């Protein structure tokens, strides 16, 4: 695995952590939709970056 692929996987792990926090916020007694939406956008961006870095030039 190349350094770029490892960094991409790290992004995916970070996105997973952000999604976990979003789930926790959703399960709160009074979830804040603004916080949840912000976390989801952040995770989406990380996943997008992961795809660009990890799959760049690879047949899928």
Protein backbone atom coordinates (compact mmCIF):
# COMPACT_ATOMS: atom_id res chain seq x y z
CA UNK A 1 0.00 0.00 0.00
CA UNK A 2 1.39 3.37 -0.98
CA UNK A 3 1.64 6.37 1.32
CA UNK A 4 -1.17 8.09 -0.61
CA UNK A 5 -3.42 5.06 -0.15
CA UNK A 6 -2.66 4.98 3.58
CA UNK A 7 -3.49 8.66 3.92
CA UNK A 8 -6.72 8.06 2.01
CA UNK A 9 -7.66 5.23 4.38
CA UNK A 10 -6.97 7.56 7.29
CA UNK A 11 -9.52 9.99 5.80
CA UNK A 12 -12.04 7.17 5.62
CA UNK A 13 -11.42 6.31 9.28
CA UNK A 14 -11.87 9.95 10.25
CA UNK A 15 -15.14 10.07 8.30
CA UNK A 16 -16.30 7.01 10.22
CA UNK A 17 -15.50 8.72 13.51
CA UNK A 18 -17.45 11.82 12.48
CA UNK A 19 -20.41 9.64 11.48
CA UNK A 20 -20.25 7.97 14.89
CA UNK A 21 -20.44 11.38 16.56
CA UNK A 22 -23.40 12.29 14.34
CA UNK A 23 -25.19 9.11 15.40
CA UNK A 24 -24.52 9.91 19.06
CA UNK A 25 -25.89 13.43 18.61
CA UNK A 26 -28.96 12.03 16.85
CA UNK A 27 -29.64 9.72 19.80
CA UNK A 28 -29.48 12.55 22.36
CA UNK A 29 -32.68 13.51 24.12
CA UNK A 30 -32.59 16.88 22.35
CA UNK A 31 -30.50 16.50 19.18
CA UNK A 32 -29.40 19.67 17.39
CA UNK A 33 -30.14 19.22 13.67
CA UNK A 34 -27.63 21.94 12.74
CA UNK A 35 -24.79 20.04 14.41
CA UNK A 36 -25.85 16.77 12.82
CA UNK A 37 -26.06 18.35 9.37
CA UNK A 38 -22.61 19.92 9.80
CA UNK A 39 -21.10 16.59 10.81
CA UNK A 40 -22.71 14.83 7.87
CA UNK A 41 -21.32 17.40 5.44
CA UNK A 42 -17.87 16.99 6.97
CA UNK A 43 -18.05 13.19 6.64
CA UNK A 44 -19.29 13.47 3.05
CA UNK A 45 -16.35 15.68 2.13
CA UNK A 46 -13.90 13.26 3.74
CA UNK A 47 -15.44 10.34 1.86
CA UNK A 48 -15.27 12.30 -1.39
CA UNK A 49 -11.58 13.05 -0.77
CA UNK A 50 -10.96 9.39 0.09
CA UNK A 51 -12.51 8.27 -3.20
CA UNK A 52 -10.43 10.74 -5.19
CA UNK A 53 -7.18 9.74 -3.51
CA UNK A 54 -7.70 6.00 -3.17
CA UNK A 55 -9.37 5.16 -6.47
CA UNK A 56 -7.54 7.70 -8.66
CA UNK A 57 -6.47 5.82 -11.75
CA UNK A 58 -7.62 2.43 -10.46
CA UNK A 59 -10.25 0.44 -12.32
CA UNK A 60 -13.30 0.02 -10.17
